[in-house]
């Protein structure tokens, strides 16, 4: 079952997001295994938010533990909150 992941970082900025993104996905034409879609934008109350759709929670967990969290720690990034829910329906025209 596909999952929707909402990451919000109140202290994250576009610049910090881009730095971590560039480190974790040096070639966006070669996304990590299991990633279906990725979106990033400013948060409504400030900060930064990232919304992903993944094929499974295992694929997400593997990418986060092996790639994202080490890169975020390397750059001294503040923590972010994550919410994971199962996708009920999707439409990708």
PDB file of N, CA and C in Angstrom:
ATOM      1  N   UNK A   1       0.840  -1.186   0.000  1.00  0.00           N
ATOM      2  CA  UNK A   1       0.000   0.000   0.000  1.00  0.00           C
ATOM      3  C   UNK A   1       0.877   1.238   0.000  1.00  0.00           C
ATOM      4  N   UNK A   2       0.604   2.178  -0.865  1.00  0.00           N
ATOM      5  CA  UNK A   2       1.348   3.433  -0.929  1.00  0.00           C
ATOM      6  C   UNK A   2       1.055   4.278   0.307  1.00  0.00           C
ATOM      7  N   UNK A   3       2.038   5.109   0.654  1.00  0.00           N
ATOM      8  CA  UNK A   3       1.869   5.987   1.807  1.00  0.00           C
ATOM      9  C   UNK A   3       2.138   7.435   1.399  1.00  0.00           C
ATOM     10  N   UNK A   4       1.488   8.339   2.107  1.00  0.00           N
ATOM     11  CA  UNK A   4       1.695   9.773   1.969  1.00  0.00           C
ATOM     12  C   UNK A   4       2.464  10.221   3.207  1.00  0.00           C
ATOM     13  N   UNK A   5       3.530  10.975   2.992  1.00  0.00           N
ATOM     14  CA  UNK A   5       4.369  11.429   4.098  1.00  0.00           C
ATOM     15  C   UNK A   5       4.396  12.955   4.090  1.00  0.00           C
ATOM     16  N   UNK A   6       4.073  13.540   5.232  1.00  0.00           N
ATOM     17  CA  UNK A   6       4.100  14.987   5.372  1.00  0.00           C
ATOM     18  C   UNK A   6       5.169  15.326   6.403  1.00  0.00           C
ATOM     19  N   UNK A   7       6.214  16.000   5.947  1.00  0.00           N
ATOM     20  CA  UNK A   7       7.307  16.434   6.824  1.00  0.00           C
ATOM     21  C   UNK A   7       7.223  17.945   6.971  1.00  0.00           C
ATOM     22  N   UNK A   8       7.260  18.416   8.210  1.00  0.00           N
ATOM     23  CA  UNK A   8       7.222  19.860   8.455  1.00  0.00           C
ATOM     24  C   UNK A   8       8.347  20.226   9.412  1.00  0.00           C
ATOM     25  N   UNK A   9       9.099  21.233   9.011  1.00  0.00           N
ATOM     26  CA  UNK A   9      10.188  21.730   9.847  1.00  0.00           C
ATOM     27  C   UNK A   9      10.020  23.209  10.093  1.00  0.00           C
ATOM     28  N   UNK A  10       9.633  23.578  11.308  1.00  0.00           N
ATOM     29  CA  UNK A  10       9.369  24.983  11.632  1.00  0.00           C
ATOM     30  C   UNK A  10      10.611  25.846  11.467  1.00  0.00           C
ATOM     31  N   UNK A  11      11.792  25.268  11.665  1.00  0.00           N
ATOM     32  CA  UNK A  11      13.026  26.041  11.572  1.00  0.00           C
ATOM     33  C   UNK A  11      13.771  25.799  10.261  1.00  0.00           C
ATOM     34  N   UNK A  12      13.179  25.029   9.376  1.00  0.00           N
ATOM     35  CA  UNK A  12      13.818  24.772   8.074  1.00  0.00           C
ATOM     36  C   UNK A  12      13.549  25.949   7.148  1.00  0.00           C
ATOM     37  N   UNK A  13      14.491  26.183   6.240  1.00  0.00           N
ATOM     38  CA  UNK A  13      14.351  27.226   5.227  1.00  0.00           C
ATOM     39  C   UNK A  13      14.472  26.588   3.847  1.00  0.00           C
ATOM     40  N   UNK A  14      14.139  27.343   2.835  1.00  0.00           N
ATOM     41  CA  UNK A  14      14.292  26.850   1.474  1.00  0.00           C
ATOM     42  C   UNK A  14      15.764  26.520   1.193  1.00  0.00           C
ATOM     43  N   UNK A  15      16.657  27.344   1.677  1.00  0.00           N
ATOM     44  CA  UNK A  15      18.081  27.127   1.444  1.00  0.00           C
ATOM     45  C   UNK A  15      18.566  25.833   2.098  1.00  0.00           C
ATOM     46  N   UNK A  16      18.140  25.600   3.346  1.00  0.00           N
ATOM     47  CA  UNK A  16      18.536  24.371   4.039  1.00  0.00           C
ATOM     48  C   UNK A  16      17.939  23.157   3.335  1.00  0.00           C
ATOM     49  N   UNK A  17      16.661  23.242   2.986  1.00  0.00           N
ATOM     50  CA  UNK A  17      16.029  22.150   2.241  1.00  0.00           C
ATOM     51  C   UNK A  17      16.824  21.842   0.977  1.00  0.00           C
ATOM     52  N   UNK A  18      17.164  22.882   0.205  1.00  0.00           N
ATOM     53  CA  UNK A  18      17.865  22.671  -1.063  1.00  0.00           C
ATOM     54  C   UNK A  18      19.241  22.043  -0.850  1.00  0.00           C
ATOM     55  N   UNK A  19      19.929  22.453   0.200  1.00  0.00           N
ATOM     56  CA  UNK A  19      21.241  21.889   0.517  1.00  0.00           C
ATOM     57  C   UNK A  19      21.130  20.400   0.815  1.00  0.00           C
ATOM     58  N   UNK A  20      20.161  20.040   1.661  1.00  0.00           N
ATOM     59  CA  UNK A  20      19.967  18.625   2.006  1.00  0.00           C
ATOM     60  C   UNK A  20      19.475  17.848   0.790  1.00  0.00           C
ATOM     61  N   UNK A  21      18.573  18.435   0.024  1.00  0.00           N
ATOM     62  CA  UNK A  21      18.057  17.777  -1.186  1.00  0.00           C
ATOM     63  C   UNK A  21      19.203  17.479  -2.153  1.00  0.00           C
ATOM     64  N   UNK A  22      20.058  18.473  -2.389  1.00  0.00           N
ATOM     65  CA  UNK A  22      21.167  18.282  -3.323  1.00  0.00           C
ATOM     66  C   UNK A  22      22.116  17.181  -2.861  1.00  0.00           C
ATOM     67  N   UNK A  23      22.282  17.045  -1.550  1.00  0.00           N
ATOM     68  CA  UNK A  23      23.153  15.997  -1.023  1.00  0.00           C
ATOM     69  C   UNK A  23      22.486  14.616  -1.136  1.00  0.00           C
ATOM     70  N   UNK A  24      21.195  14.557  -0.881  1.00  0.00           N
ATOM     71  CA  UNK A  24      20.517  13.257  -0.853  1.00  0.00           C
ATOM     72  C   UNK A  24      20.075  12.779  -2.231  1.00  0.00           C
ATOM     73  N   UNK A  25      19.850  13.705  -3.156  1.00  0.00           N
ATOM     74  CA  UNK A  25      19.442  13.350  -4.519  1.00  0.00           C
ATOM     75  C   UNK A  25      20.297  14.114  -5.526  1.00  0.00           C
ATOM     76  N   UNK A  26      21.558  13.749  -5.663  1.00  0.00           N
ATOM     77  CA  UNK A  26      22.431  14.492  -6.565  1.00  0.00           C
ATOM     78  C   UNK A  26      21.975  14.438  -8.028  1.00  0.00           C
ATOM     79  N   UNK A  27      21.234  13.399  -8.385  1.00  0.00           N
ATOM     80  CA  UNK A  27      20.703  13.281  -9.744  1.00  0.00           C
ATOM     81  C   UNK A  27      19.206  12.997  -9.658  1.00  0.00           C
ATOM     82  N   UNK A  28      18.357  14.048  -9.704  1.00  0.00           N
ATOM     83  CA  UNK A  28      16.906  13.845  -9.583  1.00  0.00           C
ATOM     84  C   UNK A  28      16.319  12.911 -10.643  1.00  0.00           C
ATOM     85  N   UNK A  29      17.060  12.668 -11.727  1.00  0.00           N
ATOM     86  CA  UNK A  29      16.597  11.724 -12.741  1.00  0.00           C
ATOM     87  C   UNK A  29      16.708  10.288 -12.244  1.00  0.00           C
ATOM     88  N   UNK A  30      17.393  10.099 -11.111  1.00  0.00           N
ATOM     89  CA  UNK A  30      17.550   8.773 -10.502  1.00  0.00           C
ATOM     90  C   UNK A  30      17.028   8.818  -9.070  1.00  0.00           C
ATOM     91  N   UNK A  31      15.701   8.869  -8.904  1.00  0.00           N
ATOM     92  CA  UNK A  31      15.135   8.962  -7.554  1.00  0.00           C
ATOM     93  C   UNK A  31      15.381   7.679  -6.762  1.00  0.00           C
ATOM     94  N   UNK A  32      15.268   7.753  -5.447  1.00  0.00           N
ATOM     95  CA  UNK A  32      15.462   6.562  -4.632  1.00  0.00           C
ATOM     96  C   UNK A  32      14.380   5.519  -4.908  1.00  0.00           C
ATOM     97  N   UNK A  33      14.742   4.273  -4.696  1.00  0.00           N
ATOM     98  CA  UNK A  33      13.794   3.173  -4.897  1.00  0.00           C
ATOM     99  C   UNK A  33      12.564   3.386  -4.029  1.00  0.00           C
ATOM    100  N   UNK A  34      11.399   3.308  -4.639  1.00  0.00           N
ATOM    101  CA  UNK A  34      10.141   3.397  -3.901  1.00  0.00           C
ATOM    102  C   UNK A  34       9.503   4.770  -3.876  1.00  0.00           C
ATOM    103  N   UNK A  35      10.222   5.807  -4.305  1.00  0.00           N
ATOM    104  CA  UNK A  35       9.636   7.149  -4.311  1.00  0.00           C
ATOM    105  C   UNK A  35       8.731   7.317  -5.527  1.00  0.00           C
ATOM    106  N   UNK A  36       7.491   7.722  -5.283  1.00  0.00           N
ATOM    107  CA  UNK A  36       6.517   7.947  -6.353  1.00  0.00           C
ATOM    108  C   UNK A  36       6.443   9.423  -6.715  1.00  0.00           C
ATOM    109  N   UNK A  37       6.407  10.300  -5.708  1.00  0.00           N
ATOM    110  CA  UNK A  37       6.296  11.737  -5.959  1.00  0.00           C
ATOM    111  C   UNK A  37       6.904  12.507  -4.795  1.00  0.00           C
ATOM    112  N   UNK A  38       7.395  13.706  -5.098  1.00  0.00           N
ATOM    113  CA  UNK A  38       8.034  14.553  -4.094  1.00  0.00           C
ATOM    114  C   UNK A  38       7.647  16.001  -4.359  1.00  0.00           C
ATOM    115  N   UNK A  39       7.218  16.695  -3.305  1.00  0.00           N
ATOM    116  CA  UNK A  39       6.834  18.100  -3.400  1.00  0.00           C
ATOM    117  C   UNK A  39       7.410  18.848  -2.205  1.00  0.00           C
ATOM    118  N   UNK A  40       7.871  20.069  -2.411  1.00  0.00           N
ATOM    119  CA  UNK A  40       8.396  20.891  -1.326  1.00  0.00           C
ATOM    120  C   UNK A  40       7.887  22.313  -1.491  1.00  0.00           C
ATOM    121  N   UNK A  41       7.577  22.956  -0.365  1.00  0.00           N
ATOM    122  CA  UNK A  41       7.036  24.316  -0.403  1.00  0.00           C
ATOM    123  C   UNK A  41       7.163  24.951   0.976  1.00  0.00           C
ATOM    124  N   UNK A  42       7.052  26.272   1.023  1.00  0.00           N
ATOM    125  CA  UNK A  42       7.031  26.935   2.325  1.00  0.00           C
ATOM    126  C   UNK A  42       5.837  26.450   3.148  1.00  0.00           C
ATOM    127  N   UNK A  43       6.022  26.400   4.460  1.00  0.00           N
ATOM    128  CA  UNK A  43       4.927  26.026   5.347  1.00  0.00           C
ATOM    129  C   UNK A  43       3.964  27.184   5.533  1.00  0.00           C
ATOM    130  N   UNK A  44       2.731  26.885   5.838  1.00  0.00           N
ATOM    131  CA  UNK A  44       1.715  27.924   6.025  1.00  0.00           C
ATOM    132  C   UNK A  44       2.059  28.857   7.178  1.00  0.00           C
ATOM    133  N   UNK A  45       2.682  28.310   8.224  1.00  0.00           N
ATOM    134  CA  UNK A  45       3.020  29.117   9.399  1.00  0.00           C
ATOM    135  C   UNK A  45       4.519  29.397   9.456  1.00  0.00           C
ATOM    136  N   UNK A  46       5.175  29.344   8.309  1.00  0.00           N
ATOM    137  CA  UNK A  46       6.616  29.521   8.264  1.00  0.00           C
ATOM    138  C   UNK A  46       7.303  28.175   8.174  1.00  0.00           C
ATOM    139  N   UNK A  47       8.599  28.197   8.132  1.00  0.00           N
ATOM    140  CA  UNK A  47       9.338  26.948   8.007  1.00  0.00           C
ATOM    141  C   UNK A  47       9.190  26.366   6.612  1.00  0.00           C
ATOM    142  N   UNK A  48       9.349  25.060   6.525  1.00  0.00           N
ATOM    143  CA  UNK A  48       9.343  24.381   5.237  1.00  0.00           C
ATOM    144  C   UNK A  48       8.618  23.059   5.379  1.00  0.00           C
ATOM    145  N   UNK A  49       7.981  22.612   4.293  1.00  0.00           N
ATOM    146  CA  UNK A  49       7.292  21.321   4.321  1.00  0.00           C
ATOM    147  C   UNK A  49       7.619  20.527   3.065  1.00  0.00           C
ATOM    148  N   UNK A  50       7.667  19.222   3.249  1.00  0.00           N
ATOM    149  CA  UNK A  50       7.924  18.298   2.146  1.00  0.00           C
ATOM    150  C   UNK A  50       6.853  17.227   2.197  1.00  0.00           C
ATOM    151  N   UNK A  51       6.238  16.965   1.050  1.00  0.00           N
ATOM    152  CA  UNK A  51       5.199  15.948   0.964  1.00  0.00           C
ATOM    153  C   UNK A  51       5.631  14.945  -0.094  1.00  0.00           C
ATOM    154  N   UNK A  52       5.700  13.687   0.324  1.00  0.00           N
ATOM    155  CA  UNK A  52       6.118  12.606  -0.566  1.00  0.00           C
ATOM    156  C   UNK A  52       5.054  11.533  -0.631  1.00  0.00           C
ATOM    157  N   UNK A  53       5.088  10.789  -1.716  1.00  0.00           N
ATOM    158  CA  UNK A  53       4.321   9.553  -1.824  1.00  0.00           C
ATOM    159  C   UNK A  53       5.349   8.450  -2.086  1.00  0.00           C
ATOM    160  N   UNK A  54       5.268   7.402  -1.293  1.00  0.00           N
ATOM    161  CA  UNK A  54       6.196   6.269  -1.376  1.00  0.00           C
ATOM    162  C   UNK A  54       5.418   4.984  -1.607  1.00  0.00           C
ATOM    163  N   UNK A  55       6.067   4.026  -2.238  1.00  0.00           N
ATOM    164  CA  UNK A  55       5.439   2.723  -2.473  1.00  0.00           C
ATOM    165  C   UNK A  55       5.170   1.987  -1.172  1.00  0.00           C
ATOM    166  N   UNK A  56       6.034   2.196  -0.172  1.00  0.00           N
ATOM    167  CA  UNK A  56       5.862   1.496   1.105  1.00  0.00           C
ATOM    168  C   UNK A  56       6.569   2.250   2.219  1.00  0.00           C
ATOM    169  N   UNK A  57       6.194   1.946   3.442  1.00  0.00           N
ATOM    170  CA  UNK A  57       6.842   2.549   4.596  1.00  0.00           C
ATOM    171  C   UNK A  57       8.277   2.044   4.727  1.00  0.00           C
ATOM    172  N   UNK A  58       8.526   0.800   4.315  1.00  0.00           N
ATOM    173  CA  UNK A  58       9.893   0.266   4.349  1.00  0.00           C
ATOM    174  C   UNK A  58      10.822   1.052   3.433  1.00  0.00           C
ATOM    175  N   UNK A  59      10.362   1.393   2.238  1.00  0.00           N
ATOM    176  CA  UNK A  59      11.180   2.172   1.304  1.00  0.00           C
ATOM    177  C   UNK A  59      11.471   3.557   1.887  1.00  0.00           C
ATOM    178  N   UNK A  60      10.463   4.180   2.476  1.00  0.00           N
ATOM    179  CA  UNK A  60      10.656   5.477   3.123  1.00  0.00           C
ATOM    180  C   UNK A  60      11.668   5.367   4.253  1.00  0.00           C
ATOM    181  N   UNK A  61      11.477   4.416   5.130  1.00  0.00           N
ATOM    182  CA  UNK A  61      12.343   4.259   6.299  1.00  0.00           C
ATOM    183  C   UNK A  61      13.803   4.049   5.874  1.00  0.00           C
ATOM    184  N   UNK A  62      13.998   3.204   4.879  1.00  0.00           N
ATOM    185  CA  UNK A  62      15.358   2.927   4.397  1.00  0.00           C
ATOM    186  C   UNK A  62      16.020   4.221   3.894  1.00  0.00           C
ATOM    187  N   UNK A  63      15.311   4.999   3.074  1.00  0.00           N
ATOM    188  CA  UNK A  63      15.863   6.236   2.536  1.00  0.00           C
ATOM    189  C   UNK A  63      16.132   7.250   3.648  1.00  0.00           C
ATOM    190  N   UNK A  64      15.208   7.377   4.582  1.00  0.00           N
ATOM    191  CA  UNK A  64      15.401   8.317   5.683  1.00  0.00           C
ATOM    192  C   UNK A  64      16.617   7.944   6.523  1.00  0.00           C
ATOM    193  N   UNK A  65      16.707   6.683   6.932  1.00  0.00           N
ATOM    194  CA  UNK A  65      17.789   6.252   7.818  1.00  0.00           C
ATOM    195  C   UNK A  65      19.147   6.259   7.135  1.00  0.00           C
ATOM    196  N   UNK A  66      19.197   5.844   5.880  1.00  0.00           N
ATOM    197  CA  UNK A  66      20.480   5.704   5.194  1.00  0.00           C
ATOM    198  C   UNK A  66      20.948   6.987   4.515  1.00  0.00           C
ATOM    199  N   UNK A  67      20.015   7.881   4.184  1.00  0.00           N
ATOM    200  CA  UNK A  67      20.395   9.023   3.355  1.00  0.00           C
ATOM    201  C   UNK A  67      20.004  10.373   3.954  1.00  0.00           C
ATOM    202  N   UNK A  68      18.735  10.578   4.248  1.00  0.00           N
ATOM    203  CA  UNK A  68      18.270  11.906   4.660  1.00  0.00           C
ATOM    204  C   UNK A  68      18.789  12.298   6.042  1.00  0.00           C
ATOM    205  N   UNK A  69      18.598  11.441   7.034  1.00  0.00           N
ATOM    206  CA  UNK A  69      18.993  11.814   8.394  1.00  0.00           C
ATOM    207  C   UNK A  69      20.498  12.061   8.512  1.00  0.00           C
ATOM    208  N   UNK A  70      21.368  11.226   7.923  1.00  0.00           N
ATOM    209  CA  UNK A  70      22.803  11.547   7.985  1.00  0.00           C
ATOM    210  C   UNK A  70      23.136  12.887   7.317  1.00  0.00           C
ATOM    211  N   UNK A  71      22.501  13.191   6.192  1.00  0.00           N
ATOM    212  CA  UNK A  71      22.755  14.472   5.522  1.00  0.00           C
ATOM    213  C   UNK A  71      22.253  15.631   6.378  1.00  0.00           C
ATOM    214  N   UNK A  72      21.073  15.502   6.947  1.00  0.00           N
ATOM    215  CA  UNK A  72      20.528  16.560   7.795  1.00  0.00           C
ATOM    216  C   UNK A  72      21.433  16.804   9.001  1.00  0.00           C
ATOM    217  N   UNK A  73      21.931  15.733   9.604  1.00  0.00           N
ATOM    218  CA  UNK A  73      22.837  15.876  10.744  1.00  0.00           C
ATOM    219  C   UNK A  73      24.146  16.534  10.323  1.00  0.00           C
ATOM    220  N   UNK A  74      24.644  16.176   9.154  1.00  0.00           N
ATOM    221  CA  UNK A  74      25.889  16.757   8.646  1.00  0.00           C
ATOM    222  C   UNK A  74      25.795  18.278   8.547  1.00  0.00           C
ATOM    223  N   UNK A  75      24.637  18.779   8.155  1.00  0.00           N
ATOM    224  CA  UNK A  75      24.452  20.219   7.997  1.00  0.00           C
ATOM    225  C   UNK A  75      23.870  20.880   9.241  1.00  0.00           C
ATOM    226  N   UNK A  76      23.717  20.130  10.319  1.00  0.00           N
ATOM    227  CA  UNK A  76      23.199  20.694  11.557  1.00  0.00           C
ATOM    228  C   UNK A  76      21.750  21.119  11.457  1.00  0.00           C
ATOM    229  N   UNK A  77      20.983  20.417  10.637  1.00  0.00           N
ATOM    230  CA  UNK A  77      19.579  20.771  10.433  1.00  0.00           C
ATOM    231  C   UNK A  77      18.749  20.492  11.690  1.00  0.00           C
ATOM    232  N   UNK A  78      17.797  21.373  11.986  1.00  0.00           N
ATOM    233  CA  UNK A  78      16.912  21.132  13.124  1.00  0.00           C
ATOM    234  C   UNK A  78      15.971  19.970  12.819  1.00  0.00           C
ATOM    235  N   UNK A  79      15.358  19.410  13.844  1.00  0.00           N
ATOM    236  CA  UNK A  79      14.428  18.294  13.610  1.00  0.00           C
ATOM    237  C   UNK A  79      13.197  18.744  12.843  1.00  0.00           C
ATOM    238  N   UNK A  80      12.486  17.764  12.295  1.00  0.00           N
ATOM    239  CA  UNK A  80      11.231  18.029  11.610  1.00  0.00           C
ATOM    240  C   UNK A  80      10.221  16.986  12.065  1.00  0.00           C
ATOM    241  N   UNK A  81       8.957  17.340  11.966  1.00  0.00           N
ATOM    242  CA  UNK A  81       7.868  16.441  12.340  1.00  0.00           C
ATOM    243  C   UNK A  81       7.391  15.717  11.091  1.00  0.00           C
ATOM    244  N   UNK A  82       7.084  14.436  11.249  1.00  0.00           N
ATOM    245  CA  UNK A  82       6.606  13.636  10.124  1.00  0.00           C
ATOM    246  C   UNK A  82       5.291  12.976  10.470  1.00  0.00           C
ATOM    247  N   UNK A  83       4.435  12.919   9.470  1.00  0.00           N
ATOM    248  CA  UNK A  83       3.156  12.215   9.601  1.00  0.00           C
ATOM    249  C   UNK A  83       3.055  11.294   8.401  1.00  0.00           C
ATOM    250  N   UNK A  84       2.699  10.027   8.651  1.00  0.00           N
ATOM    251  CA  UNK A  84       2.585   9.028   7.591  1.00  0.00           C
ATOM    252  C   UNK A  84       1.167   8.458   7.614  1.00  0.00           C
ATOM    253  N   UNK A  85       0.525   8.465   6.460  1.00  0.00           N
ATOM    254  CA  UNK A  85      -0.811   7.881   6.334  1.00  0.00           C
ATOM    255  C   UNK A  85      -0.865   7.038   5.065  1.00  0.00           C
ATOM    256  N   UNK A  86      -1.719   6.046   5.054  1.00  0.00           N
ATOM    257  CA  UNK A  86      -1.905   5.235   3.854  1.00  0.00           C
ATOM    258  C   UNK A  86      -2.673   6.029   2.807  1.00  0.00           C
ATOM    259  N   UNK A  87      -2.274   5.869   1.564  1.00  0.00           N
ATOM    260  CA  UNK A  87      -2.967   6.537   0.464  1.00  0.00           C
ATOM    261  C   UNK A  87      -4.258   5.783   0.188  1.00  0.00           C
ATOM    262  N   UNK A  88      -5.345   6.489   0.177  1.00  0.00           N
ATOM    263  CA  UNK A  88      -6.635   5.889  -0.138  1.00  0.00           C
ATOM    264  C   UNK A  88      -6.867   5.890  -1.659  1.00  0.00           C
ATOM    265  N   UNK A  89      -6.559   7.014  -2.288  1.00  0.00           N
ATOM    266  CA  UNK A  89      -6.816   7.163  -3.720  1.00  0.00           C
ATOM    267  C   UNK A  89      -5.781   8.130  -4.279  1.00  0.00           C
ATOM    268  N   UNK A  90      -5.480   7.977  -5.555  1.00  0.00           N
ATOM    269  CA  UNK A  90      -4.569   8.911  -6.198  1.00  0.00           C
ATOM    270  C   UNK A  90      -4.969   9.065  -7.659  1.00  0.00           C
ATOM    271  N   UNK A  91      -4.603  10.197  -8.202  1.00  0.00           N
ATOM    272  CA  UNK A  91      -4.831  10.467  -9.611  1.00  0.00           C
ATOM    273  C   UNK A  91      -3.621  11.218 -10.120  1.00  0.00           C
ATOM    274  N   UNK A  92      -2.924  10.616 -11.040  1.00  0.00           N
ATOM    275  CA  UNK A  92      -1.760  11.257 -11.642  1.00  0.00           C
ATOM    276  C   UNK A  92      -2.032  11.291 -13.150  1.00  0.00           C
ATOM    277  N   UNK A  93      -2.530  12.440 -13.630  1.00  0.00           N
ATOM    278  CA  UNK A  93      -2.910  12.500 -15.050  1.00  0.00           C
ATOM    279  C   UNK A  93      -1.714  12.421 -15.979  1.00  0.00           C
TER     280      UNK A  93
END
